[in-house]
Amino acid sequence: MKKNYNKRFGTIAVDKEYITEDQLVKGLEIQAQENIMEDKHRLLGQIFVEEGLLTTSQVDEILETMNQRLVYMISVGR
């Protein structure tokens, strides 16, 4: 399995094959549109869960992967 040290939430979700690249793009579009039109910000995980594309367990797994990346980056002094 690839190391995910420099990857963001959506890229990790695609790498884990939880969502497709097209679904990631759609989620980013929703996020950006809401940021501009509604002056609110939802995290991608929340958007994907509400769209029925991810489960909360999958979101937790992705966040754990991101946490491992952070711990690694701190340990190597980056």
Protein backbone atom coordinates (compact mmCIF):
# COMPACT_ATOMS: atom_id res chain seq x y z
CA MET A 1 0.00 0.00 0.00
CA LYS A 2 1.22 3.48 -0.84
CA LYS A 3 2.35 5.81 1.90
CA ASN A 4 -0.01 8.76 2.23
CA TYR A 5 2.34 11.21 3.96
CA ASN A 6 1.72 14.10 1.56
CA LYS A 7 -1.87 13.45 0.61
CA ARG A 8 -5.09 15.19 1.49
CA PHE A 9 -8.45 13.76 2.52
CA GLY A 10 -9.94 13.42 -0.96
CA THR A 11 -6.83 11.91 -2.50
CA ILE A 12 -6.62 9.32 0.26
CA ALA A 13 -10.31 8.47 -0.25
CA VAL A 14 -9.61 7.89 -3.95
CA ASP A 15 -6.45 5.88 -3.21
CA LYS A 16 -8.46 3.64 -0.88
CA GLU A 17 -11.05 3.29 -3.67
CA TYR A 18 -13.83 4.60 -1.45
CA ILE A 19 -14.73 7.21 -4.07
CA THR A 20 -13.83 7.88 -7.69
CA GLU A 21 -11.87 10.84 -8.99
CA ASP A 22 -15.10 12.18 -10.52
CA GLN A 23 -16.82 11.96 -7.13
CA LEU A 24 -13.91 13.82 -5.54
CA VAL A 25 -14.20 16.59 -8.12
CA LYS A 26 -17.96 16.82 -7.51
CA GLY A 27 -17.38 17.00 -3.74
CA LEU A 28 -14.82 19.77 -4.20
CA GLU A 29 -17.27 21.63 -6.45
CA ILE A 30 -20.00 21.37 -3.80
CA GLN A 31 -17.56 22.56 -1.14
CA ALA A 32 -16.38 25.54 -3.20
CA GLN A 33 -19.90 26.52 -4.24
CA GLU A 34 -21.11 26.47 -0.64
CA ASN A 35 -18.08 28.50 0.44
CA ILE A 36 -18.91 31.18 -2.11
CA MET A 37 -22.71 31.15 -2.27
CA GLU A 38 -23.68 30.27 1.28
CA ASP A 39 -20.63 31.55 3.19
CA LYS A 40 -20.29 28.20 4.94
CA HIS A 41 -17.62 25.54 4.89
CA ARG A 42 -18.29 21.82 5.15
CA LEU A 43 -15.48 19.34 5.29
CA LEU A 44 -15.25 16.88 2.42
CA GLY A 45 -15.89 13.96 4.75
CA GLN A 46 -19.19 15.50 5.81
CA ILE A 47 -20.17 16.15 2.20
CA PHE A 48 -19.34 12.58 1.15
CA VAL A 49 -21.24 11.07 4.07
CA GLU A 50 -24.29 13.22 3.37
CA GLU A 51 -24.10 12.30 -0.32
CA GLY A 52 -24.01 8.60 0.66
CA LEU A 53 -20.54 8.06 -0.79
CA LEU A 54 -18.65 7.36 2.45
CA THR A 55 -19.52 5.87 5.81
CA THR A 56 -18.43 7.48 9.05
CA SER A 57 -16.09 4.52 9.56
CA GLN A 58 -14.41 5.25 6.24
CA VAL A 59 -14.06 8.93 7.19
CA ASP A 60 -12.48 7.88 10.49
CA GLU A 61 -10.04 5.60 8.65
CA ILE A 62 -9.02 8.38 6.27
CA LEU A 63 -8.53 10.79 9.18
CA GLU A 64 -6.40 8.19 10.97
CA THR A 65 -4.25 7.90 7.85
CA MET A 66 -3.87 11.68 7.84
CA ASN A 67 -2.97 11.61 11.54
CA GLN A 68 -0.29 9.01 10.88
CA ARG A 69 1.11 11.32 8.19
CA LEU A 70 1.26 14.19 10.66
CA VAL A 71 3.02 12.07 13.27
CA TYR A 72 5.53 10.94 10.62
CA MET A 73 6.17 14.50 9.43
CA ILE A 74 6.79 15.65 13.01
CA SER A 75 9.10 12.71 13.70
CA VAL A 76 11.31 13.48 10.69
CA GLY A 77 11.28 17.20 11.39
CA ARG A 78 9.44 18.45 8.33
